[in-house]
Amino acid sequence: MNNRIQDRYDLTKLMFCALFILTMMITSFLVIQPFIIGLTWAVMVVITTWPLLIKLQIVLWGRRVLAVIVMTLLLILFFVIPIALLVNSLLINSAPLVAWASSPANMHFPEMEWLNAIPLIGSKIYNSWHNLVEGGANELLAKLRPYVGEATTWFVAQAAHLGRFVVHLALMVLFSVLFYFHGERVAQGIRRFAVRLADEKGDSVIVLAAQSIRAVALGLVVTALIQAVLGGIALAMAGIPYATLLTVLMFILCVVQLGPLLVLIPAIIWLYWSGDTTWGSILLVWSGILGTFDAVLRPALIRRGADLPMILILFGVIGGLLSLGMIGLFIGPVVLAVSYRLILAWINEECGT
C-alpha cells in the first residue's frame, strides 16, 4: 500500500510521464501539420452543409452513399472548380498588374480636363484640382509608389502557391467525404471528449462552436462569395480591365463588411469617363441591387444572424491572409468568431446573465 502511494507521488516518474506525453503530442502535431488546413476547411464545409446532406439522404431513399456522392459533386462543382479557376486566372493576369503598379508613368493623378465642361463651376473645380496636384500631391504619390508596387506584388504572391492551394482543396474534398460518411460518429466522439474535459459545459461549448461556424460560413463567406462573383461577372461583361483581380478584392471587402461598392463605383466612374455610358448605366443599376443584396441574403442564410464586431471580422480576414494565404480568408474569420462566441458565453455564464 505504501509502495503504491509512493509511486503515485514519485516526482521523477511524473516528470517522465509528462515528458513522454508532451513528446507524443508534439510528434503527432508535426505528423498532421500538412493536413491541418485541409482538415479545418473540411470541418467548416461539413458543419455548414450537414443539414443539406440529411435532406438529400431523405430524398434519396435513405441511402447515405448516394447523398455523399451528390454532396461531393456539388462541392466540386460550386466550390472547388470556381476557386481553382479564380486563382489560376489571378496568376495569369497578375504580371500586367504588378508591372502597372510599379511603373512611374502610371502612378500620377489624372488631368481631369472634363471638369471644364461642367457649367458655371467647372473651371473653378478644375483650377482647384490642379492647384492641389501641383501643391505636392504628385510628390506624395511618388513617395508612395514603391510601397504600392511591393504591396501589389505581395498580394499576388499569396495566390501564387497554386500547387499548395490545389493540395489543400483536394484534402478538403477527401476529408469532407469521410466526415459526410461518419459525421455522427465523429461528432459523438468530439462531444464525449468535451464532456470528459468539462462535463456538461464541454458539450455545450462544442454545440456553440458548431453554431458559430455555420453562422459565419453562411452569413459572411457565402454571402461575400455570391456578391463577388455577381459583381465580377458584371465587371467582365462591362469590359473593365483586371476583372478577376477586382473580383478577389470585392470578395475581401465583402467579407470585412465593407461591401462591393468600393470597387464597383470607381468602375462606373471609369466607364462614364471613357465614354461608355451604356455599360456605365447598366453597371450603376446592377451595383445598386448588389449593394443591398447582402441585407436580404445574409439574414436568409444565417437566420439568427452572426452578431460579430466588424473589427473582429477585419482582423480575421487580414490575419488569416497574412498567416495562411488565400485560404486564411475563409478560416480566419471563422476561428476568431468561434473564439469570440465561446469567450462571450463563458463571461455571461460567470456573470450569471
Protein backbone atom coordinates (compact mmCIF):
# COMPACT_ATOMS: atom_id res chain seq x y z
CA MET A 1 0.00 0.00 0.00
CA ASN A 2 2.77 2.41 0.90
CA ASN A 3 4.63 1.49 -2.28
CA ARG A 4 1.56 2.39 -4.37
CA ILE A 5 1.23 5.76 -2.65
CA GLN A 6 4.93 6.39 -3.11
CA ASP A 7 4.70 5.52 -6.84
CA ARG A 8 1.74 7.84 -7.23
CA TYR A 9 3.66 10.82 -5.87
CA ASP A 10 7.03 9.93 -7.39
CA LEU A 11 8.13 13.29 -8.87
CA THR A 12 10.64 11.75 -11.27
CA LYS A 13 8.04 9.33 -12.59
CA LEU A 14 5.51 12.12 -13.05
CA MET A 15 8.06 14.25 -14.91
CA PHE A 16 8.97 11.43 -17.29
CA CYS A 17 5.28 10.67 -17.91
CA ALA A 18 4.58 14.33 -18.67
CA LEU A 19 7.66 14.48 -20.91
CA PHE A 20 6.55 11.37 -22.78
CA ILE A 21 3.03 12.72 -23.30
CA LEU A 22 4.40 16.09 -24.45
CA THR A 23 6.76 14.37 -26.88
CA MET A 24 3.92 12.31 -28.33
CA MET A 25 1.75 15.41 -28.70
CA ILE A 26 4.47 17.41 -30.48
CA THR A 27 5.32 14.48 -32.75
CA SER A 28 1.67 13.92 -33.59
CA PHE A 29 1.26 17.60 -34.41
CA LEU A 30 4.27 17.54 -36.73
CA VAL A 31 2.87 14.49 -38.50
CA ILE A 32 -0.57 16.01 -39.10
CA GLN A 33 0.61 19.58 -39.69
CA PRO A 34 0.47 19.33 -43.52
CA PHE A 35 -3.17 18.28 -43.28
CA ILE A 36 -4.39 20.83 -40.72
CA ILE A 37 -5.58 23.48 -43.20
CA GLY A 38 -7.43 20.97 -45.37
CA LEU A 39 -8.91 19.35 -42.28
CA THR A 40 -10.04 22.68 -40.83
CA TRP A 41 -11.60 23.69 -44.11
CA ALA A 42 -13.40 20.35 -44.37
CA VAL A 43 -14.80 20.74 -40.86
CA MET A 44 -16.18 24.16 -41.80
CA VAL A 45 -17.72 22.87 -45.02
CA VAL A 46 -19.27 19.76 -43.46
CA ILE A 47 -20.73 21.59 -40.47
CA THR A 48 -22.20 24.22 -42.77
CA THR A 49 -23.69 21.78 -45.29
CA TRP A 50 -24.69 18.96 -42.92
CA PRO A 51 -28.43 19.86 -42.90
CA LEU A 52 -28.40 19.70 -46.72
CA LEU A 53 -26.80 16.25 -46.59
CA ILE A 54 -29.53 14.96 -44.28
CA LYS A 55 -32.26 16.33 -46.57
CA LEU A 56 -30.63 14.72 -49.58
CA GLN A 57 -30.38 11.42 -47.75
CA ILE A 58 -34.11 11.51 -47.01
CA VAL A 59 -34.91 12.29 -50.65
CA LEU A 60 -32.54 9.58 -51.95
CA TRP A 61 -34.36 6.73 -50.22
CA GLY A 62 -32.30 6.97 -47.03
CA ARG A 63 -29.06 5.99 -48.81
CA ARG A 64 -26.10 7.84 -47.27
CA VAL A 65 -23.82 6.76 -50.13
CA LEU A 66 -25.97 8.48 -52.75
CA ALA A 67 -26.27 11.60 -50.63
CA VAL A 68 -22.49 11.77 -50.14
CA ILE A 69 -21.90 11.36 -53.89
CA VAL A 70 -24.28 14.21 -54.67
CA MET A 71 -22.75 16.43 -51.98
CA THR A 72 -19.24 15.73 -53.26
CA LEU A 73 -20.23 16.60 -56.82
CA LEU A 74 -21.90 19.81 -55.63
CA LEU A 75 -18.82 20.67 -53.57
CA ILE A 76 -16.52 20.21 -56.55
CA LEU A 77 -18.84 21.98 -58.98
CA PHE A 78 -19.76 25.04 -56.93
CA PHE A 79 -16.74 25.42 -54.66
CA VAL A 80 -13.55 23.74 -55.81
CA ILE A 81 -13.71 24.46 -59.55
CA PRO A 82 -14.69 28.17 -59.25
CA ILE A 83 -11.98 28.86 -56.67
CA ALA A 84 -9.33 26.99 -58.66
CA LEU A 85 -10.28 28.88 -61.85
CA LEU A 86 -10.27 32.16 -59.96
CA VAL A 87 -6.80 31.60 -58.56
CA ASN A 88 -5.48 30.40 -61.91
CA SER A 89 -6.87 33.47 -63.66
CA LEU A 90 -5.41 35.63 -60.92
CA LEU A 91 -1.96 34.22 -61.61
CA ILE A 92 -2.31 34.69 -65.37
CA ASN A 93 -3.32 38.34 -65.05
CA SER A 94 -1.05 39.25 -62.16
CA ALA A 95 2.07 40.13 -64.18
CA PRO A 96 0.49 43.09 -66.04
CA LEU A 97 -0.96 44.41 -62.79
CA VAL A 98 2.38 44.28 -60.97
CA ALA A 99 4.08 45.99 -63.91
CA TRP A 100 1.40 48.68 -64.00
CA ALA A 101 1.56 49.32 -60.25
CA SER A 102 5.37 49.54 -60.34
CA SER A 103 5.56 51.84 -63.36
CA PRO A 104 6.22 55.54 -62.59
CA ALA A 105 4.23 56.58 -65.66
CA ASN A 106 1.00 55.13 -64.25
CA MET A 107 1.31 56.48 -60.73
CA HIS A 108 0.08 60.05 -61.14
CA PHE A 109 -3.13 61.97 -60.66
CA PRO A 110 -5.32 62.41 -63.77
CA GLU A 111 -5.66 65.76 -65.53
CA MET A 112 -9.46 65.81 -65.10
CA GLU A 113 -9.96 68.06 -68.13
CA TRP A 114 -13.59 67.03 -68.37
CA LEU A 115 -14.28 69.20 -65.32
CA ASN A 116 -14.16 72.26 -67.60
CA ALA A 117 -17.34 71.02 -69.30
CA ILE A 118 -19.38 71.47 -66.11
CA PRO A 119 -21.40 74.71 -66.38
CA LEU A 120 -20.66 77.65 -64.07
CA ILE A 121 -18.38 75.91 -61.56
CA GLY A 122 -16.39 73.61 -63.84
CA SER A 123 -13.39 75.90 -64.37
CA LYS A 124 -13.11 76.69 -60.67
CA ILE A 125 -13.12 73.00 -59.75
CA TYR A 126 -10.54 72.30 -62.47
CA ASN A 127 -8.22 75.05 -61.22
CA SER A 128 -8.62 73.90 -57.61
CA TRP A 129 -7.77 70.35 -58.61
CA HIS A 130 -4.59 71.39 -60.41
CA ASN A 131 -3.56 73.63 -57.54
CA LEU A 132 -3.91 70.64 -55.21
CA VAL A 133 -1.87 68.39 -57.52
CA GLU A 134 0.85 70.97 -58.06
CA GLY A 135 0.95 71.70 -54.36
CA GLY A 136 2.54 68.37 -53.54
CA ALA A 137 0.02 65.61 -54.20
CA ASN A 138 2.06 64.13 -57.06
CA GLU A 139 5.20 64.30 -54.93
CA LEU A 140 3.43 62.38 -52.17
CA LEU A 141 2.24 59.82 -54.72
CA ALA A 142 5.79 59.39 -55.98
CA LYS A 143 6.93 58.54 -52.45
CA LEU A 144 4.13 56.02 -52.09
CA ARG A 145 4.82 54.39 -55.47
CA PRO A 146 7.43 51.83 -54.26
CA TYR A 147 5.17 50.68 -51.46
CA VAL A 148 2.20 50.29 -53.84
CA GLY A 149 4.30 48.11 -56.11
CA GLU A 150 5.57 45.99 -53.23
CA ALA A 151 2.08 45.61 -51.77
CA THR A 152 0.66 44.54 -55.12
CA THR A 153 3.47 42.04 -55.62
CA TRP A 154 2.95 40.59 -52.13
CA PHE A 155 -0.80 40.26 -52.58
CA VAL A 156 -0.42 38.41 -55.87
CA ALA A 157 2.29 36.21 -54.33
CA GLN A 158 -0.22 34.94 -51.76
CA ALA A 159 -2.18 33.36 -54.60
CA ALA A 160 0.95 32.16 -56.38
CA HIS A 161 1.24 28.98 -54.34
CA LEU A 162 -1.16 27.29 -56.71
CA GLY A 163 0.24 23.81 -56.10
CA ARG A 164 -0.18 24.03 -52.36
CA PHE A 165 -3.61 25.57 -52.81
CA VAL A 166 -4.76 22.70 -55.02
CA VAL A 167 -3.42 20.17 -52.49
CA HIS A 168 -5.43 21.82 -49.73
CA LEU A 169 -8.53 21.76 -51.92
CA ALA A 170 -8.03 18.05 -52.64
CA LEU A 171 -7.53 17.29 -48.95
CA MET A 172 -10.61 19.31 -48.11
CA VAL A 173 -12.71 17.23 -50.51
CA LEU A 174 -11.25 13.96 -49.17
CA PHE A 175 -11.82 14.86 -45.53
CA SER A 176 -15.29 16.15 -46.34
CA VAL A 177 -16.26 12.81 -47.89
CA LEU A 178 -15.02 10.97 -44.79
CA PHE A 179 -16.89 13.33 -42.47
CA TYR A 180 -20.06 13.01 -44.54
CA PHE A 181 -19.92 9.22 -44.17
CA HIS A 182 -19.02 9.17 -40.47
CA GLY A 183 -20.27 12.55 -39.28
CA GLU A 184 -22.43 11.27 -36.44
CA ARG A 185 -19.64 9.09 -35.08
CA VAL A 186 -17.08 11.91 -35.28
CA ALA A 187 -19.46 14.38 -33.63
CA GLN A 188 -20.24 11.89 -30.86
CA GLY A 189 -16.54 11.32 -30.24
CA ILE A 190 -15.81 15.04 -30.06
CA ARG A 191 -18.71 15.67 -27.72
CA ARG A 192 -17.70 12.78 -25.46
CA PHE A 193 -14.15 14.13 -25.34
CA ALA A 194 -15.51 17.59 -24.44
CA VAL A 195 -17.68 16.10 -21.69
CA ARG A 196 -14.63 14.24 -20.38
CA LEU A 197 -12.78 17.55 -20.15
CA ALA A 198 -15.51 19.85 -18.80
CA ASP A 199 -18.62 17.79 -18.06
CA GLU A 200 -21.86 19.23 -19.48
CA LYS A 201 -20.24 22.59 -20.16
CA GLY A 202 -17.88 20.97 -22.61
CA ASP A 203 -20.76 19.59 -24.65
CA SER A 204 -22.48 22.98 -24.80
CA VAL A 205 -19.19 24.54 -25.91
CA ILE A 206 -18.98 22.14 -28.87
CA VAL A 207 -22.56 22.90 -29.87
CA LEU A 208 -21.89 26.64 -29.61
CA ALA A 209 -18.75 26.29 -31.73
CA ALA A 210 -20.67 24.43 -34.44
CA GLN A 211 -23.36 27.11 -34.47
CA SER A 212 -20.71 29.83 -34.80
CA ILE A 213 -19.04 28.04 -37.71
CA ARG A 214 -22.33 27.66 -39.55
CA ALA A 215 -23.31 31.26 -38.82
CA VAL A 216 -20.08 32.76 -40.11
CA ALA A 217 -19.74 30.41 -43.07
CA LEU A 218 -23.26 31.08 -44.31
CA GLY A 219 -23.72 34.65 -43.16
CA LEU A 220 -20.32 36.03 -44.16
CA VAL A 221 -18.34 33.82 -46.50
CA VAL A 222 -21.16 32.53 -48.72
CA THR A 223 -22.79 35.95 -48.97
CA ALA A 224 -19.46 37.59 -49.81
CA LEU A 225 -18.67 34.91 -52.39
CA ILE A 226 -22.02 35.35 -54.16
CA GLN A 227 -21.68 39.15 -54.16
CA ALA A 228 -18.13 38.99 -55.50
CA VAL A 229 -19.00 36.50 -58.26
CA LEU A 230 -22.02 38.51 -59.43
CA GLY A 231 -20.03 41.72 -59.30
CA GLY A 232 -17.11 40.12 -61.14
CA ILE A 233 -19.38 38.88 -63.93
CA ALA A 234 -20.78 42.39 -64.33
CA LEU A 235 -17.27 43.89 -64.48
CA ALA A 236 -16.17 41.36 -67.09
CA MET A 237 -19.25 42.00 -69.25
CA ALA A 238 -18.69 45.75 -69.00
CA GLY A 239 -15.11 45.34 -70.21
CA ILE A 240 -13.41 46.55 -67.03
CA PRO A 241 -9.68 45.65 -67.04
CA TYR A 242 -8.40 43.13 -64.48
CA ALA A 243 -11.92 41.94 -63.65
CA THR A 244 -10.58 38.82 -61.94
CA LEU A 245 -8.35 40.75 -59.57
CA LEU A 246 -11.15 43.16 -58.81
CA THR A 247 -13.41 40.18 -58.07
CA VAL A 248 -10.94 38.92 -55.47
CA LEU A 249 -10.76 42.43 -53.99
CA MET A 250 -14.56 42.60 -53.85
CA PHE A 251 -14.67 39.28 -52.04
CA ILE A 252 -12.25 40.54 -49.39
CA LEU A 253 -14.21 43.78 -48.98
CA CYS A 254 -17.49 41.88 -48.67
CA VAL A 255 -16.05 39.56 -46.03
CA VAL A 256 -14.94 42.54 -43.93
CA GLN A 257 -18.44 44.01 -44.38
CA LEU A 258 -17.34 46.99 -46.49
CA GLY A 259 -19.33 45.80 -49.49
CA PRO A 260 -18.63 45.62 -53.24
CA LEU A 261 -19.38 49.28 -53.95
CA LEU A 262 -15.81 50.33 -53.17
CA VAL A 263 -14.85 48.50 -56.36
CA LEU A 264 -17.99 48.99 -58.43
CA ILE A 265 -18.30 52.78 -58.00
CA PRO A 266 -14.79 53.52 -59.39
CA ALA A 267 -15.57 51.12 -62.25
CA ILE A 268 -18.76 53.05 -63.02
CA ILE A 269 -16.84 56.35 -62.96
CA TRP A 270 -14.22 54.87 -65.27
CA LEU A 271 -16.89 53.74 -67.76
CA TYR A 272 -18.54 57.15 -67.85
CA TRP A 273 -15.14 58.80 -68.06
CA SER A 274 -14.17 56.66 -71.03
CA GLY A 275 -17.47 57.46 -72.79
CA ASP A 276 -19.18 54.08 -72.39
CA THR A 277 -22.39 55.46 -70.90
CA THR A 278 -24.48 52.40 -71.79
CA TRP A 279 -22.47 49.91 -69.73
CA GLY A 280 -21.90 52.60 -67.13
CA SER A 281 -25.66 52.92 -66.62
CA ILE A 282 -26.15 49.15 -66.59
CA LEU A 283 -23.39 48.71 -64.02
CA LEU A 284 -24.84 51.56 -61.98
CA VAL A 285 -28.23 49.83 -61.72
CA TRP A 286 -26.61 46.46 -61.03
CA SER A 287 -24.41 48.00 -58.33
CA GLY A 288 -27.46 49.43 -56.61
CA ILE A 289 -29.01 45.95 -56.50
CA LEU A 290 -25.79 44.23 -55.47
CA GLY A 291 -25.02 46.81 -52.78
CA THR A 292 -28.20 45.89 -50.91
CA PHE A 293 -28.05 42.21 -51.80
CA ASP A 294 -26.37 41.19 -48.56
CA ALA A 295 -29.09 42.82 -46.47
CA VAL A 296 -31.54 40.27 -47.89
CA LEU A 297 -29.31 37.25 -48.46
CA ARG A 298 -27.33 37.24 -45.21
CA PRO A 299 -30.37 37.04 -42.87
CA ALA A 300 -31.92 34.39 -45.12
CA LEU A 301 -28.80 32.24 -44.91
CA ILE A 302 -27.87 32.80 -41.32
CA ARG A 303 -31.44 33.13 -39.93
CA ARG A 304 -30.33 34.07 -36.44
CA GLY A 305 -27.55 36.35 -37.68
CA ALA A 306 -23.85 36.46 -36.88
CA ASP A 307 -23.69 39.21 -34.29
CA LEU A 308 -19.96 39.79 -34.57
CA PRO A 309 -17.99 43.03 -34.27
CA MET A 310 -16.74 44.33 -37.60
CA ILE A 311 -13.22 44.76 -36.20
CA LEU A 312 -13.19 41.05 -35.36
CA ILE A 313 -14.08 40.12 -38.92
CA LEU A 314 -11.46 42.53 -40.26
CA PHE A 315 -8.75 41.02 -38.04
CA GLY A 316 -9.82 37.53 -39.10
CA VAL A 317 -9.55 38.34 -42.81
CA ILE A 318 -6.25 40.23 -42.63
CA GLY A 319 -4.68 37.89 -40.09
CA GLY A 320 -5.82 34.83 -41.98
CA LEU A 321 -4.44 36.22 -45.24
CA LEU A 322 -1.08 37.07 -43.65
CA SER A 323 -0.65 33.76 -41.84
CA LEU A 324 -2.34 31.22 -44.14
CA GLY A 325 -2.52 32.90 -47.54
CA MET A 326 -5.71 32.92 -49.61
CA ILE A 327 -7.20 30.05 -47.60
CA GLY A 328 -6.96 32.25 -44.50
CA LEU A 329 -9.71 34.45 -45.96
CA PHE A 330 -12.13 31.63 -45.12
CA ILE A 331 -10.55 30.23 -41.98
CA GLY A 332 -9.51 33.44 -40.20
CA PRO A 333 -12.97 34.97 -39.57
CA VAL A 334 -14.42 31.60 -38.57
CA VAL A 335 -11.70 30.86 -36.00
CA LEU A 336 -11.99 34.30 -34.40
CA ALA A 337 -15.80 34.14 -34.47
CA VAL A 338 -15.83 30.78 -32.67
CA SER A 339 -13.33 32.05 -30.08
CA TYR A 340 -15.34 35.23 -29.58
CA ARG A 341 -18.61 33.38 -29.09
CA LEU A 342 -17.05 30.92 -26.64
CA ILE A 343 -15.39 33.65 -24.56
CA LEU A 344 -18.61 35.67 -24.56
CA ALA A 345 -20.62 32.65 -23.42
CA TRP A 346 -18.10 31.98 -20.64
CA ILE A 347 -18.25 35.61 -19.45
CA ASN A 348 -22.05 35.64 -19.47
CA GLU A 349 -22.12 32.37 -17.56
CA GLU A 350 -19.70 33.67 -14.92
CA CYS A 351 -21.73 36.87 -14.58
CA GLY A 352 -24.96 34.94 -14.32
CA THR A 353 -26.53 36.53 -17.40
